[in-house]
Amino acid sequence: MHWLDHAPVEELAFPDILMDGGIRDSIHAAAATYPYSEHLAARGLDTRFYGDYSGSPDALLPTAKELDYPTVLHLLDLSADAVGKNLTVIYGDEDATPEEIAGGDGAHVGDGHEIVNRLAAFVFMALQRWPDPEVEPCDEASLGTGVNTTFWSAAMQTRYRVSYSLPPCYAAAGWEDRRYPLLIFLSGHGMTAETTLAGAMVFNVLGKDGTLPRFVMAVPAGECCKYDRGAGQRYCACTRDDDIYLCVDPDCTGPHDECAVLEIPKGQLEEECNGGNFFTDHVSNRWGDVEAAAGMRYGGMVMDLLAFLESELRLKDPVTR
């Protein structure tokens, strides 16, 4: 809120700010994002409000039904001129039945349809607003490639987990000079990178025939790093295998394939924060150790991830205005 009220208008005008919130969100996302947009509008910037994603007169797409919303998005003009450079969608049915409410209608994540509609809307809007989209149909049999790996993060002073999806034809002959926009998806509280990335494969289906521009999606882990208080060692690149954690050597600064993998009993490790990291720089660990926060720079990690992906993949240059 302070940034929206005090930043130079030129700074606020650079990004497209797209927000949403459910009317039954347990952490009150709708009650938070609506005033953010009001303050943005008060600075004189194009900001619009929508009552839902579909199915109501004031929805982002009034004529679509909840079930067919993602299938018609590619036919719409989702440019800044058409739907607003900045926008907020407040989703959820005020007249939902008890059964629908129990199923998640208007909740933090939303019900099954709302989850799909939320993700689809933001991805489609972002890709439609990117210049020179990659939409030539691709006849490769594959729907793209998912990669689970780790990288060295200077901000975290350890290795960190990330999953990313390469679009269809990324490695095909004759396509070696194509470059793609990057979408970094910051997963929900405590979610694994591998689980969240699964959503990208749906978009690869649409990208294959040119319905949707092709892109690279990357998902850093949303979990807290693990800490062995007995040994004084932390691990930020672990996967669980029953009662064992498989953790990439935290001191390895080279390529992922050259790093050792350590087996550590599950009961030996504890989370250094509570459930999820929120991709922010922390001020202490969960035990109140302020000095430990020097390596808990989860926000800085995202910038390290960007540098890693730019060095490894064929990405488009950043957009400037």
C-alpha atoms as a PDB file:
ATOM      1  CA  MET A   1       0.000   0.000   0.000  1.00  0.00           C
ATOM      2  CA  HIS A   2       2.862   2.360   0.809  1.00  0.00           C
ATOM      3  CA  TRP A   3       4.373   1.684  -2.620  1.00  0.00           C
ATOM      4  CA  LEU A   4       1.045   2.352  -4.364  1.00  0.00           C
ATOM      5  CA  ASP A   5       0.604   5.620  -2.493  1.00  0.00           C
ATOM      6  CA  HIS A   6       4.148   6.995  -2.733  1.00  0.00           C
ATOM      7  CA  ALA A   7       5.998   5.520  -5.727  1.00  0.00           C
ATOM      8  CA  PRO A   8       6.451   7.792  -8.772  1.00  0.00           C
ATOM      9  CA  VAL A   9       3.562   7.398 -11.193  1.00  0.00           C
ATOM     10  CA  GLU A  10       6.066   6.444 -13.915  1.00  0.00           C
ATOM     11  CA  GLU A  11       7.191   3.492 -11.792  1.00  0.00           C
ATOM     12  CA  LEU A  12       3.631   2.310 -11.155  1.00  0.00           C
ATOM     13  CA  ALA A  13       2.809   2.657 -14.848  1.00  0.00           C
ATOM     14  CA  PHE A  14       5.502   0.182 -15.923  1.00  0.00           C
ATOM     15  CA  PRO A  15       3.997  -3.190 -14.849  1.00  0.00           C
ATOM     16  CA  ASP A  16       0.559  -4.558 -15.636  1.00  0.00           C
ATOM     17  CA  ILE A  17      -0.870  -5.365 -12.188  1.00  0.00           C
ATOM     18  CA  LEU A  18      -3.403  -8.211 -12.321  1.00  0.00           C
ATOM     19  CA  MET A  19      -4.954  -9.295  -9.020  1.00  0.00           C
ATOM     20  CA  ASP A  20      -7.796 -11.434  -7.745  1.00  0.00           C
ATOM     21  CA  GLY A  21      -9.336 -12.603  -4.492  1.00  0.00           C
ATOM     22  CA  GLY A  22     -12.096 -14.900  -3.307  1.00  0.00           C
ATOM     23  CA  ILE A  23     -15.087 -13.642  -1.319  1.00  0.00           C
ATOM     24  CA  ARG A  24     -14.666 -16.550   1.122  1.00  0.00           C
ATOM     25  CA  ASP A  25     -10.887 -16.517   1.313  1.00  0.00           C
ATOM     26  CA  SER A  26      -9.742 -17.518   4.799  1.00  0.00           C
ATOM     27  CA  ILE A  27      -6.931 -14.949   4.626  1.00  0.00           C
ATOM     28  CA  HIS A  28      -9.224 -12.250   3.183  1.00  0.00           C
ATOM     29  CA  ALA A  29      -7.587 -11.863  -0.236  1.00  0.00           C
ATOM     30  CA  ALA A  30     -10.605 -10.054  -1.696  1.00  0.00           C
ATOM     31  CA  ALA A  31     -10.648  -7.598   1.197  1.00  0.00           C
ATOM     32  CA  ALA A  32      -6.950  -6.908   0.574  1.00  0.00           C
ATOM     33  CA  THR A  33      -6.680  -6.741  -3.207  1.00  0.00           C
ATOM     34  CA  TYR A  34      -9.728  -4.517  -3.742  1.00  0.00           C
ATOM     35  CA  PRO A  35      -8.300  -1.556  -1.781  1.00  0.00           C
ATOM     36  CA  TYR A  36      -4.914  -2.072  -3.454  1.00  0.00           C
ATOM     37  CA  SER A  37      -6.641  -1.493  -6.776  1.00  0.00           C
ATOM     38  CA  GLU A  38      -8.569   1.486  -5.394  1.00  0.00           C
ATOM     39  CA  HIS A  39      -5.289   3.120  -4.357  1.00  0.00           C
ATOM     40  CA  LEU A  40      -3.796   2.341  -7.774  1.00  0.00           C
ATOM     41  CA  ALA A  41      -6.789   3.954  -9.470  1.00  0.00           C
ATOM     42  CA  ALA A  42      -6.476   6.964  -7.164  1.00  0.00           C
ATOM     43  CA  ARG A  43      -3.045   7.612  -8.691  1.00  0.00           C
ATOM     44  CA  GLY A  44      -4.763   8.133 -12.047  1.00  0.00           C
ATOM     45  CA  LEU A  45      -3.821   4.773 -13.606  1.00  0.00           C
ATOM     46  CA  ASP A  46      -6.144   2.629 -15.716  1.00  0.00           C
ATOM     47  CA  THR A  47      -7.599   0.141 -13.203  1.00  0.00           C
ATOM     48  CA  ARG A  48     -10.767  -1.898 -13.650  1.00  0.00           C
ATOM     49  CA  PHE A  49     -12.829  -4.166 -11.400  1.00  0.00           C
ATOM     50  CA  TYR A  50     -14.664  -7.394 -12.259  1.00  0.00           C
ATOM     51  CA  GLY A  51     -17.202  -9.338 -10.220  1.00  0.00           C
ATOM     52  CA  ASP A  52     -16.011 -12.789 -11.321  1.00  0.00           C
ATOM     53  CA  TYR A  53     -14.246 -14.545 -14.170  1.00  0.00           C
ATOM     54  CA  SER A  54     -17.457 -15.613 -15.940  1.00  0.00           C
ATOM     55  CA  GLY A  55     -21.209 -15.962 -15.675  1.00  0.00           C
ATOM     56  CA  SER A  56     -22.266 -12.586 -14.238  1.00  0.00           C
ATOM     57  CA  PRO A  57     -22.940  -9.192 -15.871  1.00  0.00           C
ATOM     58  CA  ASP A  58     -19.861  -7.615 -14.294  1.00  0.00           C
ATOM     59  CA  ALA A  59     -17.544 -10.596 -14.924  1.00  0.00           C
ATOM     60  CA  LEU A  60     -14.354 -10.458 -16.958  1.00  0.00           C
ATOM     61  CA  LEU A  61     -16.173 -12.628 -19.512  1.00  0.00           C
ATOM     62  CA  PRO A  62     -19.928 -12.190 -18.841  1.00  0.00           C
ATOM     63  CA  THR A  63     -21.216 -14.550 -21.534  1.00  0.00           C
ATOM     64  CA  ALA A  64     -19.060 -17.582 -20.746  1.00  0.00           C
ATOM     65  CA  LYS A  65     -20.082 -20.395 -18.477  1.00  0.00           C
ATOM     66  CA  GLU A  66     -17.709 -21.518 -15.757  1.00  0.00           C
ATOM     67  CA  LEU A  67     -17.052 -24.821 -17.517  1.00  0.00           C
ATOM     68  CA  ASP A  68     -16.137 -23.407 -20.944  1.00  0.00           C
ATOM     69  CA  TYR A  69     -14.266 -20.307 -19.783  1.00  0.00           C
ATOM     70  CA  PRO A  70     -10.704 -21.562 -20.529  1.00  0.00           C
ATOM     71  CA  THR A  71     -11.731 -22.887 -23.955  1.00  0.00           C
ATOM     72  CA  VAL A  72     -12.812 -19.451 -25.235  1.00  0.00           C
ATOM     73  CA  LEU A  73     -10.152 -17.276 -23.651  1.00  0.00           C
ATOM     74  CA  HIS A  74      -7.898 -17.438 -26.702  1.00  0.00           C
ATOM     75  CA  LEU A  75     -10.698 -15.876 -28.791  1.00  0.00           C
ATOM     76  CA  LEU A  76     -10.875 -12.776 -26.609  1.00  0.00           C
ATOM     77  CA  ASP A  77      -9.031  -9.498 -26.681  1.00  0.00           C
ATOM     78  CA  LEU A  78      -7.344  -9.399 -23.272  1.00  0.00           C
ATOM     79  CA  SER A  79      -5.200  -6.382 -24.077  1.00  0.00           C
ATOM     80  CA  ALA A  80      -4.849  -3.435 -21.735  1.00  0.00           C
ATOM     81  CA  ASP A  81      -7.198  -1.372 -23.899  1.00  0.00           C
ATOM     82  CA  ALA A  82      -9.888  -4.052 -23.837  1.00  0.00           C
ATOM     83  CA  VAL A  83      -9.964  -5.178 -20.205  1.00  0.00           C
ATOM     84  CA  GLY A  84      -7.716  -2.690 -18.418  1.00  0.00           C
ATOM     85  CA  LYS A  85      -4.008  -2.348 -17.941  1.00  0.00           C
ATOM     86  CA  ASN A  86      -4.507  -3.116 -14.254  1.00  0.00           C
ATOM     87  CA  LEU A  87      -7.435  -5.171 -13.037  1.00  0.00           C
ATOM     88  CA  THR A  88      -8.874  -6.976 -10.049  1.00  0.00           C
ATOM     89  CA  VAL A  89     -11.268  -9.928 -10.196  1.00  0.00           C
ATOM     90  CA  ILE A  90     -13.307 -10.762  -7.084  1.00  0.00           C
ATOM     91  CA  TYR A  91     -14.453 -14.357  -7.606  1.00  0.00           C
ATOM     92  CA  GLY A  92     -17.088 -16.481  -5.900  1.00  0.00           C
ATOM     93  CA  ASP A  93     -20.869 -16.762  -6.058  1.00  0.00           C
ATOM     94  CA  GLU A  94     -22.664 -14.791  -3.346  1.00  0.00           C
ATOM     95  CA  ASP A  95     -25.621 -17.177  -3.716  1.00  0.00           C
ATOM     96  CA  ALA A  96     -23.583 -20.386  -3.661  1.00  0.00           C
ATOM     97  CA  THR A  97     -25.250 -23.414  -2.070  1.00  0.00           C
ATOM     98  CA  PRO A  98     -23.817 -24.986   1.098  1.00  0.00           C
ATOM     99  CA  GLU A  99     -22.494 -27.826  -1.069  1.00  0.00           C
ATOM    100  CA  GLU A 100     -20.743 -25.388  -3.434  1.00  0.00           C
ATOM    101  CA  ILE A 101     -19.242 -23.497  -0.510  1.00  0.00           C
ATOM    102  CA  ALA A 102     -17.995 -26.769   0.979  1.00  0.00           C
ATOM    103  CA  GLY A 103     -16.403 -27.464  -2.421  1.00  0.00           C
ATOM    104  CA  GLY A 104     -14.367 -24.257  -2.242  1.00  0.00           C
ATOM    105  CA  ASP A 105     -16.476 -21.652  -4.049  1.00  0.00           C
ATOM    106  CA  GLY A 106     -14.857 -18.246  -3.506  1.00  0.00           C
ATOM    107  CA  ALA A 107     -12.287 -19.721  -1.141  1.00  0.00           C
ATOM    108  CA  HIS A 108      -8.545 -19.081  -0.973  1.00  0.00           C
ATOM    109  CA  VAL A 109      -7.724 -21.370  -3.886  1.00  0.00           C
ATOM    110  CA  GLY A 110     -11.259 -21.725  -5.195  1.00  0.00           C
ATOM    111  CA  ASP A 111     -13.239 -24.729  -6.350  1.00  0.00           C
ATOM    112  CA  GLY A 112     -12.002 -26.866  -9.238  1.00  0.00           C
ATOM    113  CA  HIS A 113     -13.308 -24.574 -11.954  1.00  0.00           C
ATOM    114  CA  GLU A 114     -12.135 -21.392 -10.238  1.00  0.00           C
ATOM    115  CA  ILE A 115      -8.599 -22.794  -9.921  1.00  0.00           C
ATOM    116  CA  VAL A 116      -8.456 -23.433 -13.670  1.00  0.00           C
ATOM    117  CA  ASN A 117     -10.103 -20.130 -14.567  1.00  0.00           C
ATOM    118  CA  ARG A 118      -7.786 -18.073 -12.358  1.00  0.00           C
ATOM    119  CA  LEU A 119      -4.611 -19.604 -13.738  1.00  0.00           C
ATOM    120  CA  ALA A 120      -5.822 -19.564 -17.335  1.00  0.00           C
ATOM    121  CA  ALA A 121      -6.901 -15.911 -17.192  1.00  0.00           C
ATOM    122  CA  PHE A 122      -3.587 -14.609 -15.913  1.00  0.00           C
ATOM    123  CA  VAL A 123      -1.472 -16.749 -18.258  1.00  0.00           C
ATOM    124  CA  PHE A 124      -3.543 -15.793 -21.299  1.00  0.00           C
ATOM    125  CA  MET A 125      -3.467 -12.095 -20.395  1.00  0.00           C
ATOM    126  CA  ALA A 126       0.280 -12.091 -19.831  1.00  0.00           C
ATOM    127  CA  LEU A 127       1.020 -13.884 -23.097  1.00  0.00           C
ATOM    128  CA  GLN A 128      -1.365 -11.765 -25.157  1.00  0.00           C
ATOM    129  CA  ARG A 129       0.385  -8.637 -23.913  1.00  0.00           C
ATOM    130  CA  TRP A 130       3.858  -9.898 -24.837  1.00  0.00           C
ATOM    131  CA  PRO A 131       5.107  -8.515 -28.191  1.00  0.00           C
ATOM    132  CA  ASP A 132       5.881 -10.849 -31.116  1.00  0.00           C
ATOM    133  CA  PRO A 133       4.311 -14.041 -29.720  1.00  0.00           C
ATOM    134  CA  GLU A 134       5.540 -17.457 -30.877  1.00  0.00           C
ATOM    135  CA  VAL A 135       2.345 -18.904 -32.398  1.00  0.00           C
ATOM    136  CA  GLU A 136       3.484 -20.864 -35.469  1.00  0.00           C
ATOM    137  CA  PRO A 137       1.942 -24.371 -35.200  1.00  0.00           C
ATOM    138  CA  CYS A 138       4.334 -27.078 -34.097  1.00  0.00           C
ATOM    139  CA  ASP A 139       3.948 -30.675 -35.301  1.00  0.00           C
ATOM    140  CA  GLU A 140       6.239 -32.339 -32.775  1.00  0.00           C
ATOM    141  CA  ALA A 141       4.639 -35.337 -31.049  1.00  0.00           C
ATOM    142  CA  SER A 142       5.817 -34.212 -27.613  1.00  0.00           C
ATOM    143  CA  LEU A 143       3.778 -31.766 -25.524  1.00  0.00           C
ATOM    144  CA  GLY A 144       6.965 -30.221 -24.193  1.00  0.00           C
ATOM    145  CA  THR A 145       9.537 -31.231 -21.648  1.00  0.00           C
ATOM    146  CA  GLY A 146       9.368 -30.911 -17.873  1.00  0.00           C
ATOM    147  CA  VAL A 147      12.666 -30.500 -16.036  1.00  0.00           C
ATOM    148  CA  ASN A 148      13.222 -30.885 -12.280  1.00  0.00           C
ATOM    149  CA  THR A 149      16.583 -29.518 -11.198  1.00  0.00           C
ATOM    150  CA  THR A 150      18.454 -27.318  -8.703  1.00  0.00           C
ATOM    151  CA  PHE A 151      20.619 -24.219  -8.960  1.00  0.00           C
ATOM    152  CA  TRP A 152      23.055 -22.386  -6.721  1.00  0.00           C
ATOM    153  CA  SER A 153      21.505 -19.305  -5.105  1.00  0.00           C
ATOM    154  CA  ALA A 154      23.921 -16.698  -3.815  1.00  0.00           C
ATOM    155  CA  ALA A 155      21.093 -15.043  -1.868  1.00  0.00           C
ATOM    156  CA  MET A 156      20.293 -18.294  -0.049  1.00  0.00           C
ATOM    157  CA  GLN A 157      23.923 -19.464   0.100  1.00  0.00           C
ATOM    158  CA  THR A 158      22.814 -22.971  -0.868  1.00  0.00           C
ATOM    159  CA  ARG A 159      21.206 -24.922  -3.696  1.00  0.00           C
ATOM    160  CA  TYR A 160      17.519 -24.454  -4.427  1.00  0.00           C
ATOM    161  CA  ARG A 161      14.895 -26.533  -6.246  1.00  0.00           C
ATOM    162  CA  VAL A 162      13.105 -25.431  -9.410  1.00  0.00           C
ATOM    163  CA  SER A 163      10.982 -27.125 -12.054  1.00  0.00           C
ATOM    164  CA  TYR A 164      10.460 -25.693 -15.518  1.00  0.00           C
ATOM    165  CA  SER A 165       8.605 -26.642 -18.690  1.00  0.00           C
ATOM    166  CA  LEU A 166      10.019 -26.225 -22.203  1.00  0.00           C
ATOM    167  CA  PRO A 167       7.374 -25.741 -24.927  1.00  0.00           C
ATOM    168  CA  PRO A 168       6.777 -28.137 -27.826  1.00  0.00           C
ATOM    169  CA  CYS A 169       9.484 -28.012 -30.542  1.00  0.00           C
ATOM    170  CA  TYR A 170      11.950 -26.227 -28.224  1.00  0.00           C
ATOM    171  CA  ALA A 171      14.669 -28.751 -29.166  1.00  0.00           C
ATOM    172  CA  ALA A 172      13.339 -29.696 -32.623  1.00  0.00           C
ATOM    173  CA  ALA A 173      15.455 -29.331 -35.755  1.00  0.00           C
ATOM    174  CA  GLY A 174      14.826 -26.009 -37.471  1.00  0.00           C
ATOM    175  CA  TRP A 175      13.600 -24.346 -34.287  1.00  0.00           C
ATOM    176  CA  GLU A 176      17.005 -23.780 -32.678  1.00  0.00           C
ATOM    177  CA  ASP A 177      16.867 -19.986 -33.040  1.00  0.00           C
ATOM    178  CA  ARG A 178      13.418 -19.527 -31.455  1.00  0.00           C
ATOM    179  CA  ARG A 179      13.318 -17.647 -28.167  1.00  0.00           C
ATOM    180  CA  TYR A 180      10.434 -17.689 -25.687  1.00  0.00           C
ATOM    181  CA  PRO A 181       8.919 -15.501 -22.979  1.00  0.00           C
ATOM    182  CA  LEU A 182       9.463 -16.653 -19.411  1.00  0.00           C
ATOM    183  CA  LEU A 183       6.659 -16.958 -16.886  1.00  0.00           C
ATOM    184  CA  ILE A 184       7.849 -17.521 -13.317  1.00  0.00           C
ATOM    185  CA  PHE A 185       4.976 -18.970 -11.299  1.00  0.00           C
ATOM    186  CA  LEU A 186       5.394 -18.506  -7.555  1.00  0.00           C
ATOM    187  CA  SER A 187       3.596 -21.492  -6.085  1.00  0.00           C
ATOM    188  CA  GLY A 188       1.219 -21.446  -3.141  1.00  0.00           C
ATOM    189  CA  HIS A 189       2.132 -21.740   0.512  1.00  0.00           C
ATOM    190  CA  GLY A 190       4.415 -24.739   0.975  1.00  0.00           C
ATOM    191  CA  MET A 191       3.735 -26.258  -2.437  1.00  0.00           C
ATOM    192  CA  THR A 192       6.389 -28.262  -4.221  1.00  0.00           C
ATOM    193  CA  ALA A 193       7.791 -27.128  -7.544  1.00  0.00           C
ATOM    194  CA  GLU A 194       7.014 -30.440  -9.251  1.00  0.00           C
ATOM    195  CA  THR A 195       3.331 -30.411  -8.276  1.00  0.00           C
ATOM    196  CA  THR A 196       2.744 -26.831  -9.392  1.00  0.00           C
ATOM    197  CA  LEU A 197       4.479 -27.277 -12.743  1.00  0.00           C
ATOM    198  CA  ALA A 198       1.892 -29.855 -13.835  1.00  0.00           C
ATOM    199  CA  GLY A 199      -0.412 -26.972 -14.795  1.00  0.00           C
ATOM    200  CA  ALA A 200       2.017 -25.800 -17.468  1.00  0.00           C
ATOM    201  CA  MET A 201       1.532 -28.951 -19.524  1.00  0.00           C
ATOM    202  CA  VAL A 202      -2.100 -27.931 -20.165  1.00  0.00           C
ATOM    203  CA  PHE A 203      -0.907 -24.716 -21.797  1.00  0.00           C
ATOM    204  CA  ASN A 204       1.621 -26.657 -23.886  1.00  0.00           C
ATOM    205  CA  VAL A 205      -1.300 -28.515 -25.497  1.00  0.00           C
ATOM    206  CA  LEU A 206      -2.749 -25.184 -26.659  1.00  0.00           C
ATOM    207  CA  GLY A 207       0.688 -23.894 -27.668  1.00  0.00           C
ATOM    208  CA  LYS A 208       1.361 -26.824 -29.959  1.00  0.00           C
ATOM    209  CA  ASP A 209      -1.293 -25.824 -32.517  1.00  0.00           C
ATOM    210  CA  GLY A 210      -0.779 -22.082 -32.140  1.00  0.00           C
ATOM    211  CA  THR A 211      -3.932 -21.466 -30.097  1.00  0.00           C
ATOM    212  CA  LEU A 212      -1.795 -20.009 -27.327  1.00  0.00           C
ATOM    213  CA  PRO A 213       1.685 -18.481 -27.647  1.00  0.00           C
ATOM    214  CA  ARG A 214       4.387 -20.876 -26.495  1.00  0.00           C
ATOM    215  CA  PHE A 215       6.412 -19.985 -23.426  1.00  0.00           C
ATOM    216  CA  VAL A 216       8.687 -21.315 -20.703  1.00  0.00           C
ATOM    217  CA  MET A 217       7.130 -21.706 -17.263  1.00  0.00           C
ATOM    218  CA  ALA A 218       9.394 -21.990 -14.213  1.00  0.00           C
ATOM    219  CA  VAL A 219       8.273 -22.830 -10.674  1.00  0.00           C
ATOM    220  CA  PRO A 220      10.600 -22.455  -7.673  1.00  0.00           C
ATOM    221  CA  ALA A 221       9.764 -24.489  -4.580  1.00  0.00           C
ATOM    222  CA  GLY A 222       7.368 -22.744  -2.199  1.00  0.00           C
ATOM    223  CA  GLU A 223       8.441 -24.816   0.799  1.00  0.00           C
ATOM    224  CA  CYS A 224      10.648 -23.787   3.682  1.00  0.00           C
ATOM    225  CA  CYS A 225      14.201 -25.064   3.690  1.00  0.00           C
ATOM    226  CA  LYS A 226      15.012 -27.930   6.050  1.00  0.00           C
ATOM    227  CA  TYR A 227      17.377 -27.521   9.012  1.00  0.00           C
ATOM    228  CA  ASP A 228      19.364 -30.101  10.970  1.00  0.00           C
ATOM    229  CA  ARG A 229      19.726 -28.347  14.332  1.00  0.00           C
ATOM    230  CA  GLY A 230      22.003 -31.055  15.652  1.00  0.00           C
ATOM    231  CA  ALA A 231      24.526 -30.670  12.842  1.00  0.00           C
ATOM    232  CA  GLY A 232      23.859 -26.965  12.210  1.00  0.00           C
ATOM    233  CA  GLN A 233      23.223 -27.634   8.505  1.00  0.00           C
ATOM    234  CA  ARG A 234      20.364 -26.485   6.268  1.00  0.00           C
ATOM    235  CA  TYR A 235      19.101 -27.996   3.031  1.00  0.00           C
ATOM    236  CA  CYS A 236      16.963 -26.226   0.419  1.00  0.00           C
ATOM    237  CA  ALA A 237      16.963 -28.796  -2.381  1.00  0.00           C
ATOM    238  CA  CYS A 238      15.297 -31.903  -0.961  1.00  0.00           C
ATOM    239  CA  THR A 239      12.671 -34.366  -2.110  1.00  0.00           C
ATOM    240  CA  ARG A 240      11.001 -36.869   0.171  1.00  0.00           C
ATOM    241  CA  ASP A 241      11.166 -40.626  -0.317  1.00  0.00           C
ATOM    242  CA  ASP A 242       9.073 -42.252   2.446  1.00  0.00           C
ATOM    243  CA  ASP A 243      11.025 -41.615   5.678  1.00  0.00           C
ATOM    244  CA  ILE A 244      14.136 -40.316   3.898  1.00  0.00           C
ATOM    245  CA  TYR A 245      14.908 -36.900   2.453  1.00  0.00           C
ATOM    246  CA  LEU A 246      17.085 -36.890  -0.661  1.00  0.00           C
ATOM    247  CA  CYS A 247      18.928 -33.572  -0.467  1.00  0.00           C
ATOM    248  CA  VAL A 248      21.339 -32.138  -3.016  1.00  0.00           C
ATOM    249  CA  ASP A 249      24.665 -31.188  -1.424  1.00  0.00           C
ATOM    250  CA  PRO A 250      24.048 -27.612  -0.223  1.00  0.00           C
ATOM    251  CA  ASP A 251      27.683 -26.615  -0.788  1.00  0.00           C
ATOM    252  CA  CYS A 252      27.759 -27.659  -4.441  1.00  0.00           C
ATOM    253  CA  THR A 253      28.028 -24.584  -6.674  1.00  0.00           C
ATOM    254  CA  GLY A 254      28.472 -26.415  -9.992  1.00  0.00           C
ATOM    255  CA  PRO A 255      25.987 -27.967 -12.421  1.00  0.00           C
ATOM    256  CA  HIS A 256      23.176 -30.011 -10.888  1.00  0.00           C
ATOM    257  CA  ASP A 257      24.353 -33.291 -12.409  1.00  0.00           C
ATOM    258  CA  GLU A 258      27.736 -32.929 -10.689  1.00  0.00           C
ATOM    259  CA  CYS A 259      26.286 -32.481  -7.193  1.00  0.00           C
ATOM    260  CA  ALA A 260      26.095 -35.314  -4.673  1.00  0.00           C
ATOM    261  CA  VAL A 261      22.716 -36.358  -3.245  1.00  0.00           C
ATOM    262  CA  LEU A 262      22.591 -37.019   0.498  1.00  0.00           C
ATOM    263  CA  GLU A 263      20.154 -39.349   2.276  1.00  0.00           C
ATOM    264  CA  ILE A 264      18.909 -37.853   5.552  1.00  0.00           C
ATOM    265  CA  PRO A 265      16.306 -39.391   7.898  1.00  0.00           C
ATOM    266  CA  LYS A 266      13.056 -37.414   7.900  1.00  0.00           C
ATOM    267  CA  GLY A 267      13.020 -37.023  11.695  1.00  0.00           C
ATOM    268  CA  GLN A 268      16.415 -35.351  11.612  1.00  0.00           C
ATOM    269  CA  LEU A 269      15.207 -32.296   9.685  1.00  0.00           C
ATOM    270  CA  GLU A 270      12.848 -29.455  10.651  1.00  0.00           C
ATOM    271  CA  GLU A 271      11.473 -26.552   8.643  1.00  0.00           C
ATOM    272  CA  GLU A 272      13.282 -23.260   9.182  1.00  0.00           C
ATOM    273  CA  CYS A 273      10.017 -21.337   8.671  1.00  0.00           C
ATOM    274  CA  ASN A 274       6.337 -22.210   9.060  1.00  0.00           C
ATOM    275  CA  GLY A 275       5.077 -24.241   6.124  1.00  0.00           C
ATOM    276  CA  GLY A 276       5.932 -21.913   3.245  1.00  0.00           C
ATOM    277  CA  ASN A 277       8.397 -19.145   2.455  1.00  0.00           C
ATOM    278  CA  PHE A 278       6.129 -16.681   0.546  1.00  0.00           C
ATOM    279  CA  PHE A 279       9.169 -15.786  -1.624  1.00  0.00           C
ATOM    280  CA  THR A 280      10.166 -12.983   0.717  1.00  0.00           C
ATOM    281  CA  ASP A 281      13.367 -12.217   2.613  1.00  0.00           C
ATOM    282  CA  HIS A 282      12.874 -13.313   6.233  1.00  0.00           C
ATOM    283  CA  VAL A 283      14.004 -11.533   9.404  1.00  0.00           C
ATOM    284  CA  SER A 284      14.587 -14.677  11.482  1.00  0.00           C
ATOM    285  CA  ASN A 285      14.054 -18.401  11.375  1.00  0.00           C
ATOM    286  CA  ARG A 286      11.128 -19.993  13.238  1.00  0.00           C
ATOM    287  CA  TRP A 287      13.241 -20.249  16.391  1.00  0.00           C
ATOM    288  CA  GLY A 288      13.944 -16.501  16.518  1.00  0.00           C
ATOM    289  CA  ASP A 289      17.525 -16.664  15.245  1.00  0.00           C
ATOM    290  CA  VAL A 290      17.997 -13.315  13.509  1.00  0.00           C
ATOM    291  CA  GLU A 291      21.467 -14.162  12.225  1.00  0.00           C
ATOM    292  CA  ALA A 292      20.063 -17.192  10.398  1.00  0.00           C
ATOM    293  CA  ALA A 293      17.991 -14.850   8.230  1.00  0.00           C
ATOM    294  CA  ALA A 294      21.144 -13.781   6.382  1.00  0.00           C
ATOM    295  CA  GLY A 295      20.637 -16.921   4.290  1.00  0.00           C
ATOM    296  CA  MET A 296      16.825 -16.863   4.263  1.00  0.00           C
ATOM    297  CA  ARG A 297      16.547 -14.454   1.348  1.00  0.00           C
ATOM    298  CA  TYR A 298      13.777 -16.224  -0.539  1.00  0.00           C
ATOM    299  CA  GLY A 299      12.998 -13.026  -2.435  1.00  0.00           C
ATOM    300  CA  GLY A 300      16.597 -12.691  -3.559  1.00  0.00           C
ATOM    301  CA  MET A 301      16.469 -16.327  -4.616  1.00  0.00           C
ATOM    302  CA  VAL A 302      13.907 -15.455  -7.303  1.00  0.00           C
ATOM    303  CA  MET A 303      16.386 -13.033  -8.884  1.00  0.00           C
ATOM    304  CA  ASP A 304      19.091 -15.726  -8.755  1.00  0.00           C
ATOM    305  CA  LEU A 305      16.633 -18.078 -10.456  1.00  0.00           C
ATOM    306  CA  LEU A 306      16.046 -15.531 -13.215  1.00  0.00           C
ATOM    307  CA  ALA A 307      19.780 -15.238 -13.836  1.00  0.00           C
ATOM    308  CA  PHE A 308      20.116 -19.044 -13.883  1.00  0.00           C
ATOM    309  CA  LEU A 309      17.311 -19.496 -16.421  1.00  0.00           C
ATOM    310  CA  GLU A 310      18.633 -16.718 -18.640  1.00  0.00           C
ATOM    311  CA  SER A 311      21.998 -18.482 -18.748  1.00  0.00           C
ATOM    312  CA  GLU A 312      20.518 -21.913 -19.473  1.00  0.00           C
ATOM    313  CA  LEU A 313      17.562 -21.339 -21.820  1.00  0.00           C
ATOM    314  CA  ARG A 314      16.642 -19.450 -24.990  1.00  0.00           C
ATOM    315  CA  LEU A 315      14.503 -16.652 -23.552  1.00  0.00           C
ATOM    316  CA  LYS A 316      13.246 -13.449 -25.110  1.00  0.00           C
ATOM    317  CA  ASP A 317      14.837 -10.201 -24.031  1.00  0.00           C
ATOM    318  CA  PRO A 318      13.005  -8.243 -21.313  1.00  0.00           C
ATOM    319  CA  VAL A 319      10.247  -5.890 -22.428  1.00  0.00           C
ATOM    320  CA  THR A 320      11.014  -2.194 -21.998  1.00  0.00           C
ATOM    321  CA  ARG A 321       8.570   0.672 -22.170  1.00  0.00           C
END
